[in-house]
Amino acid sequence: MEKEGLPALGWAARDTSGHLSPCSFSRRVQEDDDVTIKVLFCGICHTDLHIAKLTSNGVGRDGENTRGGFSDVLVVNQDYVLRVPESLALDGAAPLLCAGVTVYGPMMRHGLNAPGKHLGVVGLGGLGHLAVKFGKAFGMTVTVISSSPRKRQEALERLGADAFLLSNDPEQMKAAAGTMDGIIDTVSAGHPIVPLLDLLSPMGQIVLVGGPSEPLELPAYAIMPSGKGIVGNCVGGIRDCQAMLDFAGKHGITADVEVVKMDYVNTQITATIN
């Protein structure tokens, strides 16, 4: 019989609708190599939407039902505990463990962290605004690429991007062709990839992190002659997470957040979907 640990109050998806409702349950018993954590803040992103619908009442590798992080307490193996720098506000630090490492990890791996290099950031949502912040902290020249002219002021004035490129303006796109060393594509909706490849210099890479559901339409010769590449990334490992938090602490980087009570979680999920 499974032993029960601390009582917990969470919000659970009880079926594949993904709708969350209050749920009282017990966490697993804390072992010698575990840490019990009080949860103060947790973020919402598209991954949560997928998991709520696809893994409701799922069984983990240990044979027990999965119990997520939308609760007031969590028991974690010590090897998976991270240190948040004291300089970071916890509400703005929480989303870094998802959106932050999703963009930071591939930027480090693919050389998009070199001072003076030119980085393009497609989209200016949760992932995109953090890519801009990390890019500027690395000392890069950062251009935000968006189909919405309303994002211009936010990109240039609030986030400090160096330039703004309207992706549905053929003249702007043509003028910027071949100028970027790499691109972080954070858009989750379907969009053409070839115009973005045209922005890259030879050997440049696009990193896909937005995860659109539609297949990419990619002619081979859009990448072959200039050695351009397309790679992807989804969150990151523990070492990446801690390195990202340490870097964020050094440079004062947090996510821009709207803090709401858990009572409104379903409203926020709907807003995320829309």
C-alpha atoms as a PDB file:
ATOM      1  CA  MET A   1       0.000   0.000   0.000  1.00  0.00           C
ATOM      2  CA  GLU A   2       1.352   3.408  -0.969  1.00  0.00           C
ATOM      3  CA  LYS A   3       2.330   5.591   1.977  1.00  0.00           C
ATOM      4  CA  GLU A   4       0.973   9.108   2.072  1.00  0.00           C
ATOM      5  CA  GLY A   5       2.999  12.198   2.861  1.00  0.00           C
ATOM      6  CA  LEU A   6       2.056  15.822   3.426  1.00  0.00           C
ATOM      7  CA  PRO A   7      -1.493  16.926   2.556  1.00  0.00           C
ATOM      8  CA  ALA A   8      -1.614  19.142  -0.506  1.00  0.00           C
ATOM      9  CA  LEU A   9      -4.194  21.382  -2.131  1.00  0.00           C
ATOM     10  CA  GLY A  10      -3.965  21.505  -5.885  1.00  0.00           C
ATOM     11  CA  TRP A  11      -5.867  22.262  -9.057  1.00  0.00           C
ATOM     12  CA  ALA A  12      -6.376  19.145 -11.139  1.00  0.00           C
ATOM     13  CA  ALA A  13      -7.474  18.272 -14.670  1.00  0.00           C
ATOM     14  CA  ARG A  14      -9.852  15.396 -13.950  1.00  0.00           C
ATOM     15  CA  ASP A  15     -10.579  14.583 -17.584  1.00  0.00           C
ATOM     16  CA  THR A  16      -9.312  15.382 -21.065  1.00  0.00           C
ATOM     17  CA  SER A  17     -11.245  18.669 -21.217  1.00  0.00           C
ATOM     18  CA  GLY A  18      -8.299  20.207 -19.391  1.00  0.00           C
ATOM     19  CA  HIS A  19     -10.592  22.149 -17.040  1.00  0.00           C
ATOM     20  CA  LEU A  20      -8.992  22.536 -13.613  1.00  0.00           C
ATOM     21  CA  SER A  21     -10.805  22.255 -10.286  1.00  0.00           C
ATOM     22  CA  PRO A  22      -9.638  22.188  -6.632  1.00  0.00           C
ATOM     23  CA  CYS A  23      -8.267  18.852  -5.475  1.00  0.00           C
ATOM     24  CA  SER A  24      -7.080  17.711  -2.040  1.00  0.00           C
ATOM     25  CA  PHE A  25      -4.523  14.900  -2.042  1.00  0.00           C
ATOM     26  CA  SER A  26      -1.354  13.708  -0.347  1.00  0.00           C
ATOM     27  CA  ARG A  27       2.147  14.079  -1.702  1.00  0.00           C
ATOM     28  CA  ARG A  28       4.492  11.106  -1.587  1.00  0.00           C
ATOM     29  CA  VAL A  29       6.492  10.548   1.559  1.00  0.00           C
ATOM     30  CA  GLN A  30       9.710  12.559   1.687  1.00  0.00           C
ATOM     31  CA  GLU A  31      12.762  10.308   1.496  1.00  0.00           C
ATOM     32  CA  ASP A  32      16.312  11.076   2.654  1.00  0.00           C
ATOM     33  CA  ASP A  33      17.293  12.471  -0.749  1.00  0.00           C
ATOM     34  CA  ASP A  34      14.133  14.551  -1.228  1.00  0.00           C
ATOM     35  CA  VAL A  35      13.313  18.201  -0.633  1.00  0.00           C
ATOM     36  CA  THR A  36       9.830  19.463   0.227  1.00  0.00           C
ATOM     37  CA  ILE A  37       9.052  22.789  -1.437  1.00  0.00           C
ATOM     38  CA  LYS A  38       6.292  25.280  -0.714  1.00  0.00           C
ATOM     39  CA  VAL A  39       4.931  26.503  -4.043  1.00  0.00           C
ATOM     40  CA  LEU A  40       4.327  30.258  -4.174  1.00  0.00           C
ATOM     41  CA  PHE A  41       4.167  30.899  -7.925  1.00  0.00           C
ATOM     42  CA  CYS A  42       3.767  28.785 -11.058  1.00  0.00           C
ATOM     43  CA  GLY A  43       3.425  29.819 -14.666  1.00  0.00           C
ATOM     44  CA  ILE A  44       1.043  28.844 -17.452  1.00  0.00           C
ATOM     45  CA  CYS A  45       2.228  28.064 -20.972  1.00  0.00           C
ATOM     46  CA  HIS A  46       1.105  26.025 -23.972  1.00  0.00           C
ATOM     47  CA  THR A  47       2.877  22.935 -22.629  1.00  0.00           C
ATOM     48  CA  ASP A  48       0.522  22.952 -19.648  1.00  0.00           C
ATOM     49  CA  LEU A  49      -2.425  22.937 -22.032  1.00  0.00           C
ATOM     50  CA  HIS A  50      -1.082  19.887 -23.885  1.00  0.00           C
ATOM     51  CA  ILE A  51      -0.269  17.961 -20.698  1.00  0.00           C
ATOM     52  CA  ALA A  52      -3.621  18.683 -19.066  1.00  0.00           C
ATOM     53  CA  LYS A  53      -5.453  17.194 -22.043  1.00  0.00           C
ATOM     54  CA  LEU A  54      -3.121  14.330 -22.916  1.00  0.00           C
ATOM     55  CA  THR A  55      -1.887  12.975 -19.566  1.00  0.00           C
ATOM     56  CA  SER A  56      -4.937  13.307 -17.324  1.00  0.00           C
ATOM     57  CA  ASN A  57      -4.684  10.608 -14.637  1.00  0.00           C
ATOM     58  CA  GLY A  58      -1.524   9.316 -16.295  1.00  0.00           C
ATOM     59  CA  VAL A  59       0.942   6.967 -14.628  1.00  0.00           C
ATOM     60  CA  GLY A  60       4.547   8.029 -14.138  1.00  0.00           C
ATOM     61  CA  ARG A  61       7.683   5.905 -14.445  1.00  0.00           C
ATOM     62  CA  ASP A  62       7.451   5.011 -10.766  1.00  0.00           C
ATOM     63  CA  GLY A  63       4.031   3.440 -11.319  1.00  0.00           C
ATOM     64  CA  GLU A  64       2.150   6.137  -9.419  1.00  0.00           C
ATOM     65  CA  ASN A  65      -0.407   8.559 -10.830  1.00  0.00           C
ATOM     66  CA  THR A  66       1.164  11.808 -11.997  1.00  0.00           C
ATOM     67  CA  ARG A  67       0.554  14.805  -9.756  1.00  0.00           C
ATOM     68  CA  GLY A  68       1.569  18.133 -11.153  1.00  0.00           C
ATOM     69  CA  GLY A  69       2.874  21.410  -9.807  1.00  0.00           C
ATOM     70  CA  PHE A  70      -0.373  23.378  -9.605  1.00  0.00           C
ATOM     71  CA  SER A  71      -0.492  22.807  -5.848  1.00  0.00           C
ATOM     72  CA  ASP A  72       0.765  24.378  -2.646  1.00  0.00           C
ATOM     73  CA  VAL A  73       3.488  21.830  -1.859  1.00  0.00           C
ATOM     74  CA  LEU A  74       5.813  19.584  -3.875  1.00  0.00           C
ATOM     75  CA  VAL A  75       8.264  16.803  -2.979  1.00  0.00           C
ATOM     76  CA  VAL A  76      11.316  16.723  -5.264  1.00  0.00           C
ATOM     77  CA  ASN A  77      14.459  14.612  -5.439  1.00  0.00           C
ATOM     78  CA  GLN A  78      17.447  16.739  -4.426  1.00  0.00           C
ATOM     79  CA  ASP A  79      19.070  16.279  -7.835  1.00  0.00           C
ATOM     80  CA  TYR A  80      16.202  18.225  -9.420  1.00  0.00           C
ATOM     81  CA  VAL A  81      16.127  21.211  -7.071  1.00  0.00           C
ATOM     82  CA  LEU A  82      17.377  24.575  -8.322  1.00  0.00           C
ATOM     83  CA  ARG A  83      18.666  27.657  -6.537  1.00  0.00           C
ATOM     84  CA  VAL A  84      16.928  30.906  -7.447  1.00  0.00           C
ATOM     85  CA  PRO A  85      19.233  33.916  -6.980  1.00  0.00           C
ATOM     86  CA  GLU A  86      18.070  36.160  -4.152  1.00  0.00           C
ATOM     87  CA  SER A  87      18.179  39.141  -6.500  1.00  0.00           C
ATOM     88  CA  LEU A  88      15.262  37.799  -8.572  1.00  0.00           C
ATOM     89  CA  ALA A  89      11.610  38.345  -7.676  1.00  0.00           C
ATOM     90  CA  LEU A  90      10.039  34.903  -7.350  1.00  0.00           C
ATOM     91  CA  ASP A  91       6.931  35.710  -9.398  1.00  0.00           C
ATOM     92  CA  GLY A  92       9.047  36.761 -12.375  1.00  0.00           C
ATOM     93  CA  ALA A  93      11.562  33.956 -11.836  1.00  0.00           C
ATOM     94  CA  ALA A  94       9.029  31.106 -11.931  1.00  0.00           C
ATOM     95  CA  PRO A  95       8.429  31.236 -15.728  1.00  0.00           C
ATOM     96  CA  LEU A  96      12.180  31.263 -16.351  1.00  0.00           C
ATOM     97  CA  LEU A  97      12.195  27.538 -15.562  1.00  0.00           C
ATOM     98  CA  CYS A  98      10.114  26.976 -18.691  1.00  0.00           C
ATOM     99  CA  ALA A  99      10.270  29.891 -21.115  1.00  0.00           C
ATOM    100  CA  GLY A 100      13.646  31.121 -19.917  1.00  0.00           C
ATOM    101  CA  VAL A 101      15.590  27.906 -20.387  1.00  0.00           C
ATOM    102  CA  THR A 102      13.736  27.139 -23.631  1.00  0.00           C
ATOM    103  CA  VAL A 103      15.429  30.114 -25.285  1.00  0.00           C
ATOM    104  CA  TYR A 104      18.615  30.330 -23.178  1.00  0.00           C
ATOM    105  CA  GLY A 105      19.682  26.709 -23.774  1.00  0.00           C
ATOM    106  CA  PRO A 106      19.784  26.776 -27.580  1.00  0.00           C
ATOM    107  CA  MET A 107      21.271  30.269 -27.599  1.00  0.00           C
ATOM    108  CA  MET A 108      24.214  28.884 -25.627  1.00  0.00           C
ATOM    109  CA  ARG A 109      24.539  25.703 -27.704  1.00  0.00           C
ATOM    110  CA  HIS A 110      24.343  27.337 -31.120  1.00  0.00           C
ATOM    111  CA  GLY A 111      26.569  30.346 -30.542  1.00  0.00           C
ATOM    112  CA  LEU A 112      23.750  32.866 -30.259  1.00  0.00           C
ATOM    113  CA  ASN A 113      25.393  34.357 -27.196  1.00  0.00           C
ATOM    114  CA  ALA A 114      28.373  36.122 -28.775  1.00  0.00           C
ATOM    115  CA  PRO A 115      28.701  39.886 -28.309  1.00  0.00           C
ATOM    116  CA  GLY A 116      28.266  41.762 -31.566  1.00  0.00           C
ATOM    117  CA  LYS A 117      26.423  39.000 -33.403  1.00  0.00           C
ATOM    118  CA  HIS A 118      23.018  39.785 -34.889  1.00  0.00           C
ATOM    119  CA  LEU A 119      20.066  37.860 -33.431  1.00  0.00           C
ATOM    120  CA  GLY A 120      16.564  37.827 -34.850  1.00  0.00           C
ATOM    121  CA  VAL A 121      13.671  37.055 -32.504  1.00  0.00           C
ATOM    122  CA  VAL A 122      10.422  36.021 -34.172  1.00  0.00           C
ATOM    123  CA  GLY A 123       7.420  36.799 -31.976  1.00  0.00           C
ATOM    124  CA  LEU A 124       7.268  38.826 -28.781  1.00  0.00           C
ATOM    125  CA  GLY A 125       5.238  36.713 -26.369  1.00  0.00           C
ATOM    126  CA  GLY A 126       6.424  34.759 -23.344  1.00  0.00           C
ATOM    127  CA  LEU A 127       9.356  33.157 -25.138  1.00  0.00           C
ATOM    128  CA  GLY A 128      10.170  36.067 -27.400  1.00  0.00           C
ATOM    129  CA  HIS A 129      10.471  38.790 -24.787  1.00  0.00           C
ATOM    130  CA  LEU A 130      12.898  36.625 -22.802  1.00  0.00           C
ATOM    131  CA  ALA A 131      14.959  35.897 -25.913  1.00  0.00           C
ATOM    132  CA  VAL A 132      15.300  39.653 -26.383  1.00  0.00           C
ATOM    133  CA  LYS A 133      16.379  40.135 -22.764  1.00  0.00           C
ATOM    134  CA  PHE A 134      18.959  37.342 -22.927  1.00  0.00           C
ATOM    135  CA  GLY A 135      20.230  38.514 -26.312  1.00  0.00           C
ATOM    136  CA  LYS A 136      20.814  42.046 -25.055  1.00  0.00           C
ATOM    137  CA  ALA A 137      22.486  40.716 -21.894  1.00  0.00           C
ATOM    138  CA  PHE A 138      24.846  38.688 -24.111  1.00  0.00           C
ATOM    139  CA  GLY A 139      25.786  41.905 -25.922  1.00  0.00           C
ATOM    140  CA  MET A 140      24.121  40.978 -29.203  1.00  0.00           C
ATOM    141  CA  THR A 141      22.396  43.186 -31.729  1.00  0.00           C
ATOM    142  CA  VAL A 142      18.739  42.139 -31.489  1.00  0.00           C
ATOM    143  CA  THR A 143      16.022  42.593 -34.101  1.00  0.00           C
ATOM    144  CA  VAL A 144      12.437  41.667 -33.253  1.00  0.00           C
ATOM    145  CA  ILE A 145      10.491  40.187 -36.180  1.00  0.00           C
ATOM    146  CA  SER A 146       6.700  40.353 -35.916  1.00  0.00           C
ATOM    147  CA  SER A 147       3.599  40.528 -38.080  1.00  0.00           C
ATOM    148  CA  SER A 148       2.042  43.033 -35.656  1.00  0.00           C
ATOM    149  CA  PRO A 149       3.089  46.702 -35.865  1.00  0.00           C
ATOM    150  CA  ARG A 150       1.689  47.135 -32.355  1.00  0.00           C
ATOM    151  CA  LYS A 151       4.724  45.262 -31.022  1.00  0.00           C
ATOM    152  CA  ARG A 152       7.178  47.901 -32.262  1.00  0.00           C
ATOM    153  CA  GLN A 153       7.022  50.181 -29.229  1.00  0.00           C
ATOM    154  CA  GLU A 154       7.290  47.303 -26.761  1.00  0.00           C
ATOM    155  CA  ALA A 155      10.258  45.835 -28.620  1.00  0.00           C
ATOM    156  CA  LEU A 156      12.251  49.028 -29.018  1.00  0.00           C
ATOM    157  CA  GLU A 157      11.344  51.141 -26.009  1.00  0.00           C
ATOM    158  CA  ARG A 158      10.493  48.725 -23.223  1.00  0.00           C
ATOM    159  CA  LEU A 159      12.697  45.721 -24.053  1.00  0.00           C
ATOM    160  CA  GLY A 160      15.553  47.619 -25.668  1.00  0.00           C
ATOM    161  CA  ALA A 161      15.726  45.770 -28.996  1.00  0.00           C
ATOM    162  CA  ASP A 162      17.929  47.434 -31.590  1.00  0.00           C
ATOM    163  CA  ALA A 163      15.503  47.125 -34.498  1.00  0.00           C
ATOM    164  CA  PHE A 164      11.986  46.012 -35.404  1.00  0.00           C
ATOM    165  CA  LEU A 165      11.119  44.185 -38.613  1.00  0.00           C
ATOM    166  CA  LEU A 166       7.563  43.803 -39.881  1.00  0.00           C
ATOM    167  CA  SER A 167       7.451  40.299 -41.328  1.00  0.00           C
ATOM    168  CA  ASN A 168       4.543  41.019 -43.674  1.00  0.00           C
ATOM    169  CA  ASP A 169       6.292  44.006 -45.255  1.00  0.00           C
ATOM    170  CA  PRO A 170       8.182  42.685 -48.322  1.00  0.00           C
ATOM    171  CA  GLU A 171      10.395  45.775 -48.586  1.00  0.00           C
ATOM    172  CA  GLN A 172      11.541  45.568 -44.965  1.00  0.00           C
ATOM    173  CA  MET A 173      12.227  41.847 -45.281  1.00  0.00           C
ATOM    174  CA  LYS A 174      14.174  42.332 -48.516  1.00  0.00           C
ATOM    175  CA  ALA A 175      16.305  45.079 -46.982  1.00  0.00           C
ATOM    176  CA  ALA A 176      17.208  42.817 -44.041  1.00  0.00           C
ATOM    177  CA  ALA A 177      18.092  39.762 -46.156  1.00  0.00           C
ATOM    178  CA  GLY A 178      21.332  38.042 -45.188  1.00  0.00           C
ATOM    179  CA  THR A 179      21.986  40.236 -42.146  1.00  0.00           C
ATOM    180  CA  MET A 180      21.327  37.891 -39.214  1.00  0.00           C
ATOM    181  CA  ASP A 181      23.660  35.330 -37.662  1.00  0.00           C
ATOM    182  CA  GLY A 182      20.818  33.381 -36.067  1.00  0.00           C
ATOM    183  CA  ILE A 183      17.102  33.482 -35.382  1.00  0.00           C
ATOM    184  CA  ILE A 184      15.024  32.282 -32.443  1.00  0.00           C
ATOM    185  CA  ASP A 185      11.518  31.521 -33.748  1.00  0.00           C
ATOM    186  CA  THR A 186       9.067  31.610 -30.828  1.00  0.00           C
ATOM    187  CA  VAL A 187       5.756  31.696 -32.713  1.00  0.00           C
ATOM    188  CA  SER A 188       3.344  28.830 -31.994  1.00  0.00           C
ATOM    189  CA  ALA A 189       0.964  29.567 -34.892  1.00  0.00           C
ATOM    190  CA  GLY A 190       1.685  28.308 -38.379  1.00  0.00           C
ATOM    191  CA  HIS A 191       3.795  30.702 -40.491  1.00  0.00           C
ATOM    192  CA  PRO A 192       6.111  30.511 -43.522  1.00  0.00           C
ATOM    193  CA  ILE A 193       9.718  29.630 -42.704  1.00  0.00           C
ATOM    194  CA  VAL A 194      11.449  30.472 -46.007  1.00  0.00           C
ATOM    195  CA  PRO A 195      11.204  34.279 -45.589  1.00  0.00           C
ATOM    196  CA  LEU A 196      12.967  33.877 -42.244  1.00  0.00           C
ATOM    197  CA  LEU A 197      15.713  31.758 -43.796  1.00  0.00           C
ATOM    198  CA  ASP A 198      16.309  34.573 -46.278  1.00  0.00           C
ATOM    199  CA  LEU A 199      17.224  36.845 -43.352  1.00  0.00           C
ATOM    200  CA  LEU A 200      20.125  34.597 -42.325  1.00  0.00           C
ATOM    201  CA  SER A 201      23.725  35.038 -43.356  1.00  0.00           C
ATOM    202  CA  PRO A 202      25.516  31.937 -44.735  1.00  0.00           C
ATOM    203  CA  MET A 203      25.740  29.105 -42.164  1.00  0.00           C
ATOM    204  CA  GLY A 204      23.142  30.820 -39.991  1.00  0.00           C
ATOM    205  CA  GLN A 205      20.573  28.813 -38.058  1.00  0.00           C
ATOM    206  CA  ILE A 206      16.945  29.145 -37.078  1.00  0.00           C
ATOM    207  CA  VAL A 207      16.024  27.657 -33.711  1.00  0.00           C
ATOM    208  CA  LEU A 208      12.371  26.617 -33.494  1.00  0.00           C
ATOM    209  CA  VAL A 209      10.960  26.835 -29.966  1.00  0.00           C
ATOM    210  CA  GLY A 210       7.339  27.867 -30.586  1.00  0.00           C
ATOM    211  CA  GLY A 211       6.144  24.451 -31.770  1.00  0.00           C
ATOM    212  CA  PRO A 212       3.518  25.186 -34.449  1.00  0.00           C
ATOM    213  CA  SER A 213       1.323  22.179 -35.138  1.00  0.00           C
ATOM    214  CA  GLU A 214       1.325  22.624 -38.919  1.00  0.00           C
ATOM    215  CA  PRO A 215       4.124  20.922 -40.919  1.00  0.00           C
ATOM    216  CA  LEU A 216       6.909  23.159 -42.184  1.00  0.00           C
ATOM    217  CA  GLU A 217       7.023  23.846 -45.920  1.00  0.00           C
ATOM    218  CA  LEU A 218      10.722  23.808 -46.722  1.00  0.00           C
ATOM    219  CA  PRO A 219      12.229  23.636 -50.211  1.00  0.00           C
ATOM    220  CA  ALA A 220      15.634  21.978 -50.004  1.00  0.00           C
ATOM    221  CA  TYR A 221      17.358  24.826 -51.818  1.00  0.00           C
ATOM    222  CA  ALA A 222      16.227  27.305 -49.180  1.00  0.00           C
ATOM    223  CA  ILE A 223      18.996  25.921 -46.955  1.00  0.00           C
ATOM    224  CA  MET A 224      21.440  23.986 -49.164  1.00  0.00           C
ATOM    225  CA  PRO A 225      23.402  26.657 -51.083  1.00  0.00           C
ATOM    226  CA  SER A 226      24.352  28.735 -48.024  1.00  0.00           C
ATOM    227  CA  GLY A 227      24.603  25.930 -45.487  1.00  0.00           C
ATOM    228  CA  LYS A 228      21.755  27.268 -43.395  1.00  0.00           C
ATOM    229  CA  GLY A 229      20.127  25.071 -40.789  1.00  0.00           C
ATOM    230  CA  ILE A 230      16.986  24.549 -38.744  1.00  0.00           C
ATOM    231  CA  VAL A 231      17.111  23.116 -35.237  1.00  0.00           C
ATOM    232  CA  GLY A 232      14.604  22.857 -32.418  1.00  0.00           C
ATOM    233  CA  ASN A 233      14.500  22.984 -28.659  1.00  0.00           C
ATOM    234  CA  CYS A 234      12.041  22.271 -25.858  1.00  0.00           C
ATOM    235  CA  VAL A 235      12.891  23.481 -22.320  1.00  0.00           C
ATOM    236  CA  GLY A 236      16.206  22.155 -20.922  1.00  0.00           C
ATOM    237  CA  GLY A 237      18.014  19.988 -18.407  1.00  0.00           C
ATOM    238  CA  ILE A 238      18.928  20.754 -14.816  1.00  0.00           C
ATOM    239  CA  ARG A 239      22.389  22.118 -15.667  1.00  0.00           C
ATOM    240  CA  ASP A 240      20.913  24.430 -18.293  1.00  0.00           C
ATOM    241  CA  CYS A 241      18.243  25.592 -15.846  1.00  0.00           C
ATOM    242  CA  GLN A 242      20.728  26.453 -13.109  1.00  0.00           C
ATOM    243  CA  ALA A 243      23.111  28.168 -15.520  1.00  0.00           C
ATOM    244  CA  MET A 244      20.199  30.184 -16.896  1.00  0.00           C
ATOM    245  CA  LEU A 245      19.043  31.214 -13.407  1.00  0.00           C
ATOM    246  CA  ASP A 246      22.568  32.250 -12.438  1.00  0.00           C
ATOM    247  CA  PHE A 247      22.909  34.328 -15.614  1.00  0.00           C
ATOM    248  CA  ALA A 248      19.471  35.867 -15.064  1.00  0.00           C
ATOM    249  CA  GLY A 249      20.407  36.733 -11.488  1.00  0.00           C
ATOM    250  CA  LYS A 250      23.612  38.419 -12.619  1.00  0.00           C
ATOM    251  CA  HIS A 251      21.805  40.517 -15.220  1.00  0.00           C
ATOM    252  CA  GLY A 252      18.484  41.088 -13.436  1.00  0.00           C
ATOM    253  CA  ILE A 253      16.406  39.165 -15.964  1.00  0.00           C
ATOM    254  CA  THR A 254      12.895  38.034 -15.031  1.00  0.00           C
ATOM    255  CA  ALA A 255       9.782  37.285 -17.061  1.00  0.00           C
ATOM    256  CA  ASP A 256       7.144  39.968 -17.459  1.00  0.00           C
ATOM    257  CA  VAL A 257       4.183  38.479 -15.627  1.00  0.00           C
ATOM    258  CA  GLU A 258       0.586  39.106 -14.640  1.00  0.00           C
ATOM    259  CA  VAL A 259      -0.003  37.580 -11.208  1.00  0.00           C
ATOM    260  CA  VAL A 260      -3.493  36.208 -10.555  1.00  0.00           C
ATOM    261  CA  LYS A 261      -4.951  33.979  -7.873  1.00  0.00           C
ATOM    262  CA  MET A 262      -5.370  30.290  -8.666  1.00  0.00           C
ATOM    263  CA  ASP A 263      -9.147  30.795  -8.559  1.00  0.00           C
ATOM    264  CA  TYR A 264      -8.770  32.404 -11.990  1.00  0.00           C
ATOM    265  CA  VAL A 265      -6.550  29.712 -13.497  1.00  0.00           C
ATOM    266  CA  ASN A 266      -9.154  28.532 -16.026  1.00  0.00           C
ATOM    267  CA  THR A 267      -9.710  32.103 -17.216  1.00  0.00           C
ATOM    268  CA  GLN A 268      -5.978  32.479 -17.759  1.00  0.00           C
ATOM    269  CA  ILE A 269      -5.774  29.142 -19.575  1.00  0.00           C
ATOM    270  CA  THR A 270      -8.510  30.301 -21.954  1.00  0.00           C
ATOM    271  CA  ALA A 271      -6.615  33.555 -22.510  1.00  0.00           C
ATOM    272  CA  THR A 272      -3.457  31.560 -23.287  1.00  0.00           C
ATOM    273  CA  ILE A 273      -5.332  29.430 -25.829  1.00  0.00           C
ATOM    274  CA  ASN A 274      -6.742  32.512 -27.526  1.00  0.00           C
END
